[in-house]
Each structure stands twice: as C-alpha cells, then as structure tokens.
PDB file of N, CA and C in Angstrom:
ATOM      1  N   MET A   1       0.735  -1.115  -0.021  1.00  0.00           N
ATOM      2  CA  MET A   1       0.027  -0.133  -0.049  1.00  0.00           C
ATOM      3  C   MET A   1       0.767   1.407   0.156  1.00  0.00           C
ATOM      4  N   ARG A   2       0.180   2.270  -0.573  1.00  0.00           N
ATOM      5  CA  ARG A   2       1.418   3.377  -0.525  1.00  0.00           C
ATOM      6  C   ARG A   2       0.156   4.475  -0.349  1.00  0.00           C
ATOM      7  N   SER A   3       0.724   5.705   0.192  1.00  0.00           N
ATOM      8  CA  SER A   3       0.134   6.911   0.542  1.00  0.00           C
ATOM      9  C   SER A   3       0.340   7.885  -0.180  1.00  0.00           C
ATOM     10  N   VAL A   4      -0.440   8.856  -0.565  1.00  0.00           N
ATOM     11  CA  VAL A   4       0.143  10.036  -1.544  1.00  0.00           C
ATOM     12  C   VAL A   4      -0.460  11.131  -0.948  1.00  0.00           C
ATOM     13  N   LYS A   5       0.133  12.129  -0.741  1.00  0.00           N
ATOM     14  CA  LYS A   5      -0.194  13.304  -0.138  1.00  0.00           C
ATOM     15  C   LYS A   5      -0.654  14.641  -1.178  1.00  0.00           C
ATOM     16  N   VAL A   6      -1.893  14.626  -0.952  1.00  0.00           N
ATOM     17  CA  VAL A   6      -2.248  16.067  -1.856  1.00  0.00           C
ATOM     18  C   VAL A   6      -2.730  17.357  -1.362  1.00  0.00           C
ATOM     19  N   GLY A   7      -2.361  18.433  -1.742  1.00  0.00           N
ATOM     20  CA  GLY A   7      -2.658  19.582  -1.315  1.00  0.00           C
ATOM     21  C   GLY A   7      -1.927  20.461  -1.131  1.00  0.00           C
ATOM     22  N   GLY A   8      -2.018  21.623  -0.314  1.00  0.00           N
ATOM     23  CA  GLY A   8      -1.142  22.889  -0.313  1.00  0.00           C
ATOM     24  C   GLY A   8      -1.235  23.513   1.146  1.00  0.00           C
ATOM     25  N   GLY A   9      -0.621  24.300   1.504  1.00  0.00           N
ATOM     26  CA  GLY A   9      -0.740  25.215   2.660  1.00  0.00           C
ATOM     27  C   GLY A   9      -0.616  24.099   3.786  1.00  0.00           C
ATOM     28  N   THR A  10      -1.730  24.578   4.607  1.00  0.00           N
ATOM     29  CA  THR A  10      -1.847  23.624   5.849  1.00  0.00           C
ATOM     30  C   THR A  10      -3.023  22.446   5.971  1.00  0.00           C
ATOM     31  N   PHE A  11      -3.437  22.459   4.544  1.00  0.00           N
ATOM     32  CA  PHE A  11      -4.731  21.144   4.345  1.00  0.00           C
ATOM     33  C   PHE A  11      -4.007  20.306   3.370  1.00  0.00           C
ATOM     34  N   TYR A  12      -4.243  18.983   3.618  1.00  0.00           N
ATOM     35  CA  TYR A  12      -3.766  17.720   2.848  1.00  0.00           C
ATOM     36  C   TYR A  12      -4.502  16.841   3.378  1.00  0.00           C
ATOM     37  N   ASN A  13      -4.795  16.033   1.910  1.00  0.00           N
ATOM     38  CA  ASN A  13      -5.241  14.632   2.058  1.00  0.00           C
ATOM     39  C   ASN A  13      -4.432  13.556   1.623  1.00  0.00           C
ATOM     40  N   TYR A  14      -4.742  12.557   2.230  1.00  0.00           N
ATOM     41  CA  TYR A  14      -3.873  11.409   2.209  1.00  0.00           C
ATOM     42  C   TYR A  14      -4.590  10.673   1.477  1.00  0.00           C
ATOM     43  N   TYR A  15      -4.315   9.851   0.501  1.00  0.00           N
ATOM     44  CA  TYR A  15      -4.944   8.317  -0.215  1.00  0.00           C
ATOM     45  C   TYR A  15      -4.037   7.413  -0.120  1.00  0.00           C
ATOM     46  N   TYR A  16      -4.731   6.089  -0.020  1.00  0.00           N
ATOM     47  CA  TYR A  16      -3.878   4.826   0.013  1.00  0.00           C
ATOM     48  C   TYR A  16      -4.359   4.441  -1.263  1.00  0.00           C
ATOM     49  N   TYR A  17      -3.280   3.686  -1.936  1.00  0.00           N
ATOM     50  CA  TYR A  17      -3.731   2.904  -3.030  1.00  0.00           C
ATOM     51  C   TYR A  17      -2.948   1.484  -3.041  1.00  0.00           C
ATOM     52  N   ASP A  18      -3.263   0.644  -3.653  1.00  0.00           N
ATOM     53  CA  ASP A  18      -2.824  -0.676  -3.909  1.00  0.00           C
ATOM     54  C   ASP A  18      -1.680  -1.050  -4.732  1.00  0.00           C
ATOM     55  N   ASP A  19      -0.739  -1.905  -4.771  1.00  0.00           N
ATOM     56  CA  ASP A  19       0.151  -2.185  -5.817  1.00  0.00           C
ATOM     57  C   ASP A  19      -0.318  -2.315  -7.030  1.00  0.00           C
ATOM     58  N   THR A  20      -1.595  -2.310  -7.394  1.00  0.00           N
ATOM     59  CA  THR A  20      -2.051  -2.251  -8.674  1.00  0.00           C
ATOM     60  C   THR A  20      -2.824  -0.700  -9.648  1.00  0.00           C
ATOM     61  N   GLY A  21      -2.491   0.261  -8.419  1.00  0.00           N
ATOM     62  CA  GLY A  21      -2.601   1.720  -8.508  1.00  0.00           C
ATOM     63  C   GLY A  21      -4.380   2.002  -8.236  1.00  0.00           C
ATOM     64  N   SER A  22      -5.030   1.059  -7.672  1.00  0.00           N
ATOM     65  CA  SER A  22      -6.571   1.274  -7.540  1.00  0.00           C
ATOM     66  C   SER A  22      -6.526   1.898  -5.833  1.00  0.00           C
ATOM     67  N   ILE A  23      -7.451   2.891  -6.104  1.00  0.00           N
ATOM     68  CA  ILE A  23      -7.218   3.468  -4.492  1.00  0.00           C
ATOM     69  C   ILE A  23      -7.921   2.615  -3.633  1.00  0.00           C
ATOM     70  N   THR A  24      -7.503   2.544  -2.535  1.00  0.00           N
ATOM     71  CA  THR A  24      -8.359   1.714  -1.401  1.00  0.00           C
ATOM     72  C   THR A  24      -8.503   2.163  -0.182  1.00  0.00           C
ATOM     73  N   GLY A  25      -8.353   3.858   0.104  1.00  0.00           N
ATOM     74  CA  GLY A  25      -8.883   4.707   1.012  1.00  0.00           C
ATOM     75  C   GLY A  25      -8.298   5.866   0.988  1.00  0.00           C
ATOM     76  N   PHE A  26      -8.537   6.541   2.295  1.00  0.00           N
ATOM     77  CA  PHE A  26      -7.912   8.086   2.666  1.00  0.00           C
ATOM     78  C   PHE A  26      -7.988   8.478   4.180  1.00  0.00           C
ATOM     79  N   GLU A  27      -7.246   9.206   4.556  1.00  0.00           N
ATOM     80  CA  GLU A  27      -7.230   9.681   5.625  1.00  0.00           C
ATOM     81  C   GLU A  27      -8.159  11.193   5.573  1.00  0.00           C
ATOM     82  N   TYR A  28      -8.784  10.831   7.177  1.00  0.00           N
ATOM     83  CA  TYR A  28      -9.630  11.928   7.490  1.00  0.00           C
ATOM     84  C   TYR A  28      -9.422  12.256   9.023  1.00  0.00           C
ATOM     85  N   ASN A  29      -9.105  13.550   8.961  1.00  0.00           N
ATOM     86  CA  ASN A  29      -8.475  14.102  10.272  1.00  0.00           C
ATOM     87  C   ASN A  29      -7.888  12.934  11.130  1.00  0.00           C
ATOM     88  N   GLY A  30      -6.706  12.627  10.456  1.00  0.00           N
ATOM     89  CA  GLY A  30      -5.342  11.894  10.847  1.00  0.00           C
ATOM     90  C   GLY A  30      -5.719  10.228  11.330  1.00  0.00           C
ATOM     91  N   THR A  31      -7.133   9.859  10.699  1.00  0.00           N
ATOM     92  CA  THR A  31      -7.561   8.748  11.172  1.00  0.00           C
ATOM     93  C   THR A  31      -7.786   7.899   9.381  1.00  0.00           C
ATOM     94  N   PRO A  32      -7.043   6.832   9.276  1.00  0.00           N
ATOM     95  CA  PRO A  32      -7.390   6.189   8.100  1.00  0.00           C
ATOM     96  C   PRO A  32      -8.503   5.399   7.950  1.00  0.00           C
ATOM     97  N   TYR A  33      -9.299   5.499   6.635  1.00  0.00           N
ATOM     98  CA  TYR A  33     -10.585   4.844   6.659  1.00  0.00           C
ATOM     99  C   TYR A  33     -10.471   4.013   5.085  1.00  0.00           C
ATOM    100  N   TYR A  34     -11.050   3.003   4.941  1.00  0.00           N
ATOM    101  CA  TYR A  34     -11.066   2.116   3.836  1.00  0.00           C
ATOM    102  C   TYR A  34     -12.070   1.871   2.948  1.00  0.00           C
ATOM    103  N   PHE A  35     -11.961   1.513   1.606  1.00  0.00           N
ATOM    104  CA  PHE A  35     -12.881   1.259   0.901  1.00  0.00           C
ATOM    105  C   PHE A  35     -13.466   0.011   0.629  1.00  0.00           C
ATOM    106  N   LEU A  36     -15.046  -0.301   0.609  1.00  0.00           N
ATOM    107  CA  LEU A  36     -15.107  -1.560   0.036  1.00  0.00           C
ATOM    108  C   LEU A  36     -15.743  -1.226  -1.116  1.00  0.00           C
ATOM    109  N   LYS A  37     -15.610  -2.250  -2.332  1.00  0.00           N
ATOM    110  CA  LYS A  37     -16.430  -1.683  -3.377  1.00  0.00           C
ATOM    111  C   LYS A  37     -17.037  -2.795  -4.151  1.00  0.00           C
ATOM    112  N   ASN A  38     -18.107  -2.356  -4.965  1.00  0.00           N
ATOM    113  CA  ASN A  38     -18.612  -3.295  -5.594  1.00  0.00           C
ATOM    114  C   ASN A  38     -17.764  -3.948  -6.989  1.00  0.00           C
ATOM    115  N   ILE A  39     -18.424  -4.965  -7.312  1.00  0.00           N
ATOM    116  CA  ILE A  39     -17.880  -5.715  -8.567  1.00  0.00           C
ATOM    117  C   ILE A  39     -17.541  -4.609  -9.725  1.00  0.00           C
ATOM    118  N   GLN A  40     -18.305  -3.644  -9.998  1.00  0.00           N
ATOM    119  CA  GLN A  40     -17.934  -2.706 -11.086  1.00  0.00           C
ATOM    120  C   GLN A  40     -17.125  -1.655 -10.339  1.00  0.00           C
ATOM    121  N   GLY A  41     -16.477  -1.742  -9.188  1.00  0.00           N
ATOM    122  CA  GLY A  41     -15.478  -0.644  -8.712  1.00  0.00           C
ATOM    123  C   GLY A  41     -16.135   0.528  -7.825  1.00  0.00           C
ATOM    124  N   ASP A  42     -17.445   0.469  -7.644  1.00  0.00           N
ATOM    125  CA  ASP A  42     -17.897   1.892  -7.079  1.00  0.00           C
ATOM    126  C   ASP A  42     -17.639   1.537  -5.561  1.00  0.00           C
ATOM    127  N   VAL A  43     -17.361   2.724  -5.046  1.00  0.00           N
ATOM    128  CA  VAL A  43     -17.185   2.733  -3.345  1.00  0.00           C
ATOM    129  C   VAL A  43     -18.328   2.741  -3.023  1.00  0.00           C
ATOM    130  N   VAL A  44     -18.913   1.490  -2.315  1.00  0.00           N
ATOM    131  CA  VAL A  44     -20.332   1.490  -1.728  1.00  0.00           C
ATOM    132  C   VAL A  44     -20.407   1.696  -0.279  1.00  0.00           C
ATOM    133  N   LYS A  45     -19.037   1.377   0.218  1.00  0.00           N
ATOM    134  CA  LYS A  45     -18.838   1.252   2.307  1.00  0.00           C
ATOM    135  C   LYS A  45     -18.015   1.899   2.207  1.00  0.00           C
ATOM    136  N   ILE A  46     -17.556   2.148   3.268  1.00  0.00           N
ATOM    137  CA  ILE A  46     -16.247   2.987   4.125  1.00  0.00           C
ATOM    138  C   ILE A  46     -16.083   2.423   5.482  1.00  0.00           C
ATOM    139  N   CYS A  47     -14.683   2.014   6.017  1.00  0.00           N
ATOM    140  CA  CYS A  47     -14.626   1.178   6.893  1.00  0.00           C
ATOM    141  C   CYS A  47     -13.643   2.069   7.767  1.00  0.00           C
ATOM    142  N   ASN A  48     -13.843   1.878   9.035  1.00  0.00           N
ATOM    143  CA  ASN A  48     -12.679   2.194   9.536  1.00  0.00           C
ATOM    144  C   ASN A  48     -11.755   1.252   9.860  1.00  0.00           C
ATOM    145  N   GLY A  49     -10.442   1.528  10.669  1.00  0.00           N
ATOM    146  CA  GLY A  49      -9.241   0.773  10.790  1.00  0.00           C
ATOM    147  C   GLY A  49      -9.712  -1.010  11.533  1.00  0.00           C
ATOM    148  N   ALA A  50     -10.768  -0.785  11.941  1.00  0.00           N
ATOM    149  CA  ALA A  50     -11.402  -2.238  12.640  1.00  0.00           C
ATOM    150  C   ALA A  50     -12.143  -2.894  11.956  1.00  0.00           C
ATOM    151  N   GLY A  51     -12.558  -2.406  10.685  1.00  0.00           N
ATOM    152  CA  GLY A  51     -13.517  -2.766   9.792  1.00  0.00           C
ATOM    153  C   GLY A  51     -14.913  -2.659   9.814  1.00  0.00           C
ATOM    154  N   ALA A  52     -15.319  -1.957  10.672  1.00  0.00           N
ATOM    155  CA  ALA A  52     -16.711  -1.447  10.942  1.00  0.00           C
ATOM    156  C   ALA A  52     -16.754  -0.152  10.072  1.00  0.00           C
ATOM    157  N   VAL A  53     -18.038  -0.687   9.297  1.00  0.00           N
ATOM    158  CA  VAL A  53     -19.008   0.190   8.347  1.00  0.00           C
ATOM    159  C   VAL A  53     -19.381   1.569   8.915  1.00  0.00           C
ATOM    160  N   VAL A  54     -18.620   2.675   8.664  1.00  0.00           N
ATOM    161  CA  VAL A  54     -18.830   3.854   8.917  1.00  0.00           C
ATOM    162  C   VAL A  54     -19.774   4.810   8.202  1.00  0.00           C
ATOM    163  N   ALA A  55     -19.944   4.465   6.946  1.00  0.00           N
ATOM    164  CA  ALA A  55     -20.627   5.244   6.017  1.00  0.00           C
ATOM    165  C   ALA A  55     -20.914   4.404   4.560  1.00  0.00           C
ATOM    166  N   GLU A  56     -22.114   4.437   4.213  1.00  0.00           N
ATOM    167  CA  GLU A  56     -22.513   3.790   3.375  1.00  0.00           C
ATOM    168  C   GLU A  56     -23.202   4.629   2.119  1.00  0.00           C
ATOM    169  N   HIS A  57     -22.527   4.273   0.792  1.00  0.00           N
ATOM    170  CA  HIS A  57     -23.214   4.885  -0.540  1.00  0.00           C
ATOM    171  C   HIS A  57     -23.835   4.393  -1.419  1.00  0.00           C
ATOM    172  N   LYS A  58     -25.228   4.850  -1.584  1.00  0.00           N
ATOM    173  CA  LYS A  58     -26.310   4.005  -2.752  1.00  0.00           C
ATOM    174  C   LYS A  58     -26.445   5.355  -3.608  1.00  0.00           C
ATOM    175  N   TYR A  59     -26.676   4.375  -4.935  1.00  0.00           N
ATOM    176  CA  TYR A  59     -26.541   4.974  -6.054  1.00  0.00           C
ATOM    177  C   TYR A  59     -27.666   4.864  -7.165  1.00  0.00           C
ATOM    178  N   ASP A  60     -28.503   5.884  -7.741  1.00  0.00           N
ATOM    179  CA  ASP A  60     -29.351   5.423  -8.735  1.00  0.00           C
ATOM    180  C   ASP A  60     -28.624   4.756 -10.234  1.00  0.00           C
ATOM    181  N   VAL A  61     -29.186   4.180 -10.869  1.00  0.00           N
ATOM    182  CA  VAL A  61     -28.711   3.566 -12.427  1.00  0.00           C
ATOM    183  C   VAL A  61     -27.845   4.479 -13.128  1.00  0.00           C
ATOM    184  N   TRP A  62     -28.096   5.786 -12.669  1.00  0.00           N
ATOM    185  CA  TRP A  62     -27.191   7.078 -13.512  1.00  0.00           C
ATOM    186  C   TRP A  62     -25.771   7.168 -12.690  1.00  0.00           C
ATOM    187  N   GLY A  63     -25.670   6.835 -11.520  1.00  0.00           N
ATOM    188  CA  GLY A  63     -24.549   6.755 -10.585  1.00  0.00           C
ATOM    189  C   GLY A  63     -24.947   8.044  -9.714  1.00  0.00           C
ATOM    190  N   ASN A  64     -26.049   8.455  -9.595  1.00  0.00           N
ATOM    191  CA  ASN A  64     -26.238   9.570  -8.738  1.00  0.00           C
ATOM    192  C   ASN A  64     -26.425   8.988  -7.437  1.00  0.00           C
ATOM    193  N   THR A  65     -25.445  10.429  -6.180  1.00  0.00           N
ATOM    194  CA  THR A  65     -26.025   9.467  -4.789  1.00  0.00           C
ATOM    195  C   THR A  65     -27.429   9.770  -4.539  1.00  0.00           C
ATOM    196  N   ILE A  66     -27.923   8.460  -4.233  1.00  0.00           N
ATOM    197  CA  ILE A  66     -29.171   8.769  -3.710  1.00  0.00           C
ATOM    198  C   ILE A  66     -29.266   9.109  -1.991  1.00  0.00           C
ATOM    199  N   SER A  67     -28.120   8.181  -1.538  1.00  0.00           N
ATOM    200  CA  SER A  67     -28.079   8.633   0.360  1.00  0.00           C
ATOM    201  C   SER A  67     -26.888   8.021   0.380  1.00  0.00           C
ATOM    202  N   ILE A  68     -26.506   8.997   1.443  1.00  0.00           N
ATOM    203  CA  ILE A  68     -25.019   8.440   2.594  1.00  0.00           C
ATOM    204  C   ILE A  68     -25.503   8.465   3.650  1.00  0.00           C
ATOM    205  N   THR A  69     -25.336   6.894   4.143  1.00  0.00           N
ATOM    206  CA  THR A  69     -26.030   6.716   5.594  1.00  0.00           C
ATOM    207  C   THR A  69     -24.588   6.431   6.368  1.00  0.00           C
ATOM    208  N   GLY A  70     -25.078   6.033   8.187  1.00  0.00           N
ATOM    209  CA  GLY A  70     -24.031   5.365   8.275  1.00  0.00           C
ATOM    210  C   GLY A  70     -23.636   6.308   9.829  1.00  0.00           C
ATOM    211  N   THR A  71     -22.620   6.054  10.814  1.00  0.00           N
ATOM    212  CA  THR A  71     -22.470   6.854  11.709  1.00  0.00           C
ATOM    213  C   THR A  71     -21.664   7.993  11.521  1.00  0.00           C
ATOM    214  N   LEU A  72     -20.552   7.825  10.472  1.00  0.00           N
ATOM    215  CA  LEU A  72     -19.822   9.063  10.294  1.00  0.00           C
ATOM    216  C   LEU A  72     -20.321   9.884   8.511  1.00  0.00           C
ATOM    217  N   ALA A  73     -21.526   9.828   8.126  1.00  0.00           N
ATOM    218  CA  ALA A  73     -22.256   9.799   7.037  1.00  0.00           C
ATOM    219  C   ALA A  73     -21.912  11.233   6.780  1.00  0.00           C
ATOM    220  N   SER A  74     -22.219  12.214   7.634  1.00  0.00           N
ATOM    221  CA  SER A  74     -21.897  13.840   7.667  1.00  0.00           C
ATOM    222  C   SER A  74     -20.628  14.203   7.326  1.00  0.00           C
ATOM    223  N   SER A  75     -19.881  13.160   8.078  1.00  0.00           N
ATOM    224  CA  SER A  75     -18.461  13.888   7.735  1.00  0.00           C
ATOM    225  C   SER A  75     -17.542  12.919   6.886  1.00  0.00           C
ATOM    226  N   VAL A  76     -17.207  11.678   7.378  1.00  0.00           N
ATOM    227  CA  VAL A  76     -16.196  10.798   6.211  1.00  0.00           C
ATOM    228  C   VAL A  76     -17.211  10.508   4.992  1.00  0.00           C
ATOM    229  N   GLY A  77     -18.169  10.111   5.315  1.00  0.00           N
ATOM    230  CA  GLY A  77     -19.153  10.082   4.121  1.00  0.00           C
ATOM    231  C   GLY A  77     -19.079  11.068   3.001  1.00  0.00           C
ATOM    232  N   GLN A  78     -19.411  12.180   3.295  1.00  0.00           N
ATOM    233  CA  GLN A  78     -19.591  13.499   2.489  1.00  0.00           C
ATOM    234  C   GLN A  78     -18.307  14.058   2.144  1.00  0.00           C
ATOM    235  N   LYS A  79     -17.106  13.593   2.635  1.00  0.00           N
ATOM    236  CA  LYS A  79     -15.652  14.167   2.191  1.00  0.00           C
ATOM    237  C   LYS A  79     -15.058  13.031   1.421  1.00  0.00           C
ATOM    238  N   ASN A  80     -15.524  11.850   1.425  1.00  0.00           N
ATOM    239  CA  ASN A  80     -14.955  10.908   0.467  1.00  0.00           C
ATOM    240  C   ASN A  80     -15.220  11.428  -1.004  1.00  0.00           C
ATOM    241  N   PRO A  81     -14.257  11.757  -1.768  1.00  0.00           N
ATOM    242  CA  PRO A  81     -14.433  12.091  -3.163  1.00  0.00           C
ATOM    243  C   PRO A  81     -14.598  11.112  -4.275  1.00  0.00           C
ATOM    244  N   PHE A  82     -14.241   9.891  -3.701  1.00  0.00           N
ATOM    245  CA  PHE A  82     -14.247   8.377  -4.591  1.00  0.00           C
ATOM    246  C   PHE A  82     -15.489   7.975  -4.343  1.00  0.00           C
ATOM    247  N   ARG A  83     -16.570   7.917  -5.352  1.00  0.00           N
ATOM    248  CA  ARG A  83     -17.769   7.122  -5.147  1.00  0.00           C
ATOM    249  C   ARG A  83     -18.077   6.211  -6.561  1.00  0.00           C
ATOM    250  N   TYR A  84     -18.960   6.725  -7.245  1.00  0.00           N
ATOM    251  CA  TYR A  84     -19.367   5.959  -8.387  1.00  0.00           C
ATOM    252  C   TYR A  84     -18.299   6.028  -9.398  1.00  0.00           C
ATOM    253  N   LYS A  85     -17.999   4.920  -9.747  1.00  0.00           N
ATOM    254  CA  LYS A  85     -17.093   4.626 -11.324  1.00  0.00           C
ATOM    255  C   LYS A  85     -17.522   5.379 -12.550  1.00  0.00           C
ATOM    256  N   GLY A  86     -18.677   4.462 -12.611  1.00  0.00           N
ATOM    257  CA  GLY A  86     -19.361   4.713 -13.899  1.00  0.00           C
ATOM    258  C   GLY A  86     -18.723   3.773 -15.020  1.00  0.00           C
TER     259      GLY A  86
END
C-alpha cells in the first residue's frame, strides 16, 4: 500500500493505493478509512481500521448519489471524493 499526499498550505489529503494503483482509502482528521467496492469498482462502503462500516453510499442507475448513511455519513461519507466509478 502506498500513501499519496495531495494539497498545499496547511490542508492535505492522504489517499491510499494498492500495488495495482487502485485507490483503497483515505485519511480524514488523521484517521485512516478504507473502501469496500462493488464488482464495478464503485465505492459502496467506508470502513474504519477495525473494519466497522462508518458510511454507506447508495446510487441510482445513472450513478447519482441517492443516500449516504452511517455513523460518520455527514463527515467521512461526505468528504469522500471517490464514489461512483461509472
């Protein structure tokens, strides 16, 4: 797994990638979160380091977000820039 630091000034985003270059997660407020994807590669769930689901994304047939639910939906779920792959 490799980590990429993106941003400038005092704000940075950290993204995690596997050996094939596929994004696997990100860091929010110093805490790592990991993606669960469907067979198409869309991010459908976000888990914390313990494996607990903290946010879940649901999409319509066109890839528009229908809902983001979970204990951290309003923070981690909303901040996640990787969603529907298309």
